C-alpha atoms as a PDB file:
ATOM      1  CA  MET A   1       0.000   0.000   0.000  1.00  0.00           C
ATOM      2  CA  LYS A   2       2.912   2.335   0.722  1.00  0.00           C
ATOM      3  CA  PRO A   3       4.258   2.135  -2.856  1.00  0.00           C
ATOM      4  CA  PHE A   4       0.790   2.964  -4.184  1.00  0.00           C
ATOM      5  CA  ARG A   5       0.627   6.027  -1.944  1.00  0.00           C
ATOM      6  CA  LEU A   6       4.014   7.141  -3.270  1.00  0.00           C
ATOM      7  CA  VAL A   7       2.961   6.622  -6.897  1.00  0.00           C
ATOM      8  CA  SER A   8      -0.268   8.503  -6.187  1.00  0.00           C
ATOM      9  CA  LEU A   9       1.577  11.495  -4.740  1.00  0.00           C
ATOM     10  CA  VAL A  10       4.145  11.618  -7.543  1.00  0.00           C
ATOM     11  CA  GLU A  11       1.445  11.267 -10.225  1.00  0.00           C
ATOM     12  CA  GLY A  12      -0.614  14.037  -8.626  1.00  0.00           C
ATOM     13  CA  ALA A  13       2.413  16.305  -8.442  1.00  0.00           C
ATOM     14  CA  SER A  14       3.171  15.642 -12.108  1.00  0.00           C
ATOM     15  CA  LEU A  15      -0.379  16.677 -13.037  1.00  0.00           C
ATOM     16  CA  LEU A  16       0.039  19.913 -11.092  1.00  0.00           C
ATOM     17  CA  VAL A  17       3.377  20.607 -12.796  1.00  0.00           C
ATOM     18  CA  LEU A  18       1.780  19.974 -16.175  1.00  0.00           C
ATOM     19  CA  LEU A  19      -1.241  22.193 -15.556  1.00  0.00           C
ATOM     20  CA  SER A  20       0.355  25.007 -13.576  1.00  0.00           C
ATOM     21  CA  GLY A  21       3.791  25.100 -15.167  1.00  0.00           C
ATOM     22  CA  ALA A  22       4.066  23.583 -18.606  1.00  0.00           C
ATOM     23  CA  VAL A  23       0.697  24.582 -20.071  1.00  0.00           C
ATOM     24  CA  PRO A  24       1.052  28.289 -19.165  1.00  0.00           C
ATOM     25  CA  LEU A  25       4.571  28.241 -20.616  1.00  0.00           C
ATOM     26  CA  ARG A  26       3.112  26.912 -23.858  1.00  0.00           C
ATOM     27  CA  TYR A  27       0.273  29.394 -24.189  1.00  0.00           C
ATOM     28  CA  TYR A  28       1.857  32.493 -22.695  1.00  0.00           C
ATOM     29  CA  GLY A  29       5.510  31.882 -23.481  1.00  0.00           C
ATOM     30  CA  GLY A  30       5.291  29.979 -26.739  1.00  0.00           C
ATOM     31  CA  LEU A  31       7.432  27.116 -25.371  1.00  0.00           C
ATOM     32  CA  HIS A  32       6.198  23.710 -26.518  1.00  0.00           C
ATOM     33  CA  GLY A  33       8.980  21.567 -25.038  1.00  0.00           C
ATOM     34  CA  PRO A  34       7.877  21.617 -21.386  1.00  0.00           C
ATOM     35  CA  VAL A  35       4.400  20.360 -22.294  1.00  0.00           C
ATOM     36  CA  TRP A  36       5.891  17.484 -24.252  1.00  0.00           C
ATOM     37  CA  TYR A  37       8.201  16.380 -21.441  1.00  0.00           C
ATOM     38  CA  ALA A  38       5.733  16.974 -18.602  1.00  0.00           C
ATOM     39  CA  GLY A  39       2.925  15.376 -20.617  1.00  0.00           C
ATOM     40  CA  TRP A  40       4.877  12.207 -21.331  1.00  0.00           C
ATOM     41  CA  THR A  41       6.040  11.983 -17.746  1.00  0.00           C
ATOM     42  CA  HIS A  42       2.535  12.460 -16.415  1.00  0.00           C
ATOM     43  CA  GLY A  43       1.130   9.960 -18.919  1.00  0.00           C
ATOM     44  CA  LEU A  44       3.548   7.244 -17.878  1.00  0.00           C
ATOM     45  CA  LEU A  45       2.949   7.972 -14.210  1.00  0.00           C
ATOM     46  CA  PHE A  46      -0.826   7.881 -14.760  1.00  0.00           C
ATOM     47  CA  LEU A  47      -0.559   4.462 -16.403  1.00  0.00           C
ATOM     48  CA  THR A  48       1.561   3.280 -13.466  1.00  0.00           C
ATOM     49  CA  TYR A  49      -0.999   4.741 -11.064  1.00  0.00           C
ATOM     50  CA  GLY A  50      -3.805   2.909 -12.869  1.00  0.00           C
ATOM     51  CA  GLY A  51      -1.917  -0.376 -12.723  1.00  0.00           C
ATOM     52  CA  PHE A  52      -1.190   0.033  -9.023  1.00  0.00           C
ATOM     53  CA  ALA A  53      -4.822   0.985  -8.348  1.00  0.00           C
ATOM     54  CA  LEU A  54      -6.042  -2.127 -10.146  1.00  0.00           C
ATOM     55  CA  ALA A  55      -3.587  -4.391  -8.331  1.00  0.00           C
ATOM     56  CA  ILE A  56      -4.393  -2.919  -4.911  1.00  0.00           C
ATOM     57  CA  SER A  57      -8.128  -3.134  -5.606  1.00  0.00           C
ATOM     58  CA  HIS A  58      -7.800  -6.870  -6.217  1.00  0.00           C
ATOM     59  CA  LEU A  59      -5.615  -7.401  -3.140  1.00  0.00           C
ATOM     60  CA  ARG A  60      -7.903  -5.375  -0.862  1.00  0.00           C
ATOM     61  CA  GLU A  61     -11.098  -6.636  -2.556  1.00  0.00           C
ATOM     62  CA  TRP A  62     -12.446  -3.164  -3.276  1.00  0.00           C
ATOM     63  CA  SER A  63     -15.706  -2.750  -5.135  1.00  0.00           C
ATOM     64  CA  VAL A  64     -15.577  -1.654  -8.744  1.00  0.00           C
ATOM     65  CA  LEU A  65     -17.084   1.714  -7.793  1.00  0.00           C
ATOM     66  CA  ARG A  66     -14.370   2.366  -5.208  1.00  0.00           C
ATOM     67  CA  TRP A  67     -11.655   1.444  -7.708  1.00  0.00           C
ATOM     68  CA  LEU A  68     -13.265   3.660 -10.349  1.00  0.00           C
ATOM     69  CA  ALA A  69     -13.505   6.591  -7.943  1.00  0.00           C
ATOM     70  CA  ILE A  70      -9.852   6.247  -6.935  1.00  0.00           C
ATOM     71  CA  PHE A  71      -8.801   5.866 -10.570  1.00  0.00           C
ATOM     72  CA  LEU A  72     -10.725   8.967 -11.666  1.00  0.00           C
ATOM     73  CA  LEU A  73      -9.367  11.013  -8.762  1.00  0.00           C
ATOM     74  CA  GLY A  74      -5.962  10.528 -10.370  1.00  0.00           C
ATOM     75  CA  ALA A  75      -7.104  12.727 -13.253  1.00  0.00           C
ATOM     76  CA  VAL A  76      -8.420  15.546 -11.049  1.00  0.00           C
ATOM     77  CA  PRO A  77      -6.074  18.270  -9.822  1.00  0.00           C
ATOM     78  CA  PHE A  78      -5.523  17.790  -6.082  1.00  0.00           C
ATOM     79  CA  GLY A  79      -7.517  14.535  -6.248  1.00  0.00           C
ATOM     80  CA  PHE A  80      -4.403  12.699  -5.147  1.00  0.00           C
ATOM     81  CA  LEU A  81      -4.784  14.322  -1.717  1.00  0.00           C
ATOM     82  CA  VAL A  82      -8.215  12.711  -1.326  1.00  0.00           C
ATOM     83  CA  VAL A  83      -6.787   9.356  -2.419  1.00  0.00           C
ATOM     84  CA  ASP A  84      -3.910   9.706   0.045  1.00  0.00           C
ATOM     85  CA  ALA A  85      -6.312  10.446   2.906  1.00  0.00           C
ATOM     86  CA  GLN A  86      -8.437   7.412   1.996  1.00  0.00           C
ATOM     87  CA  LEU A  87      -5.399   5.164   1.766  1.00  0.00           C
ATOM     88  CA  ARG A  88      -4.070   6.428   5.080  1.00  0.00           C
ATOM     89  CA  ARG A  89      -7.410   5.702   6.795  1.00  0.00           C
ATOM     90  CA  SER A  90      -7.520   2.270   5.167  1.00  0.00           C
ATOM     91  CA  MET A  91      -4.010   1.484   6.365  1.00  0.00           C
ATOM     92  CA  GLU A  92      -4.785   2.612   9.920  1.00  0.00           C
ATOM     93  CA  ALA A  93      -7.956   0.483   9.959  1.00  0.00           C
ATOM     94  CA  ALA A  94      -5.953  -2.549   8.813  1.00  0.00           C
ATOM     95  CA  GLY A  95      -3.365  -1.995  11.545  1.00  0.00           C
ATOM     96  CA  GLU A  96      -0.586  -0.951   9.153  1.00  0.00           C
ATOM     97  CA  SER A  97       1.606   2.013   9.996  1.00  0.00           C
ATOM     98  CA  PRO A  98       1.362   4.834   7.463  1.00  0.00           C
ATOM     99  CA  PRO A  99       4.589   6.743   6.930  1.00  0.00           C
END
């Protein structure tokens, strides 16, 4: 569960970098390179996030709706904070120690 939390936080941060850094540089500064690099990085991290979410959902026997909600929160700015809070509560309920 701890690796999934880490992937979730990194993926969420990459989305924020893409939306608040690279996209404004493209439209206001005319720089297309940052969007390409940040977009590819975020895309790969989002695929990793989706794979981790699917694997964890099978291990923890989540419902399809819970998995779908967690997966879609990965595409929402600051949604990763909601996912992190849910994962932390889930870990505490299971007796695991969150970092």
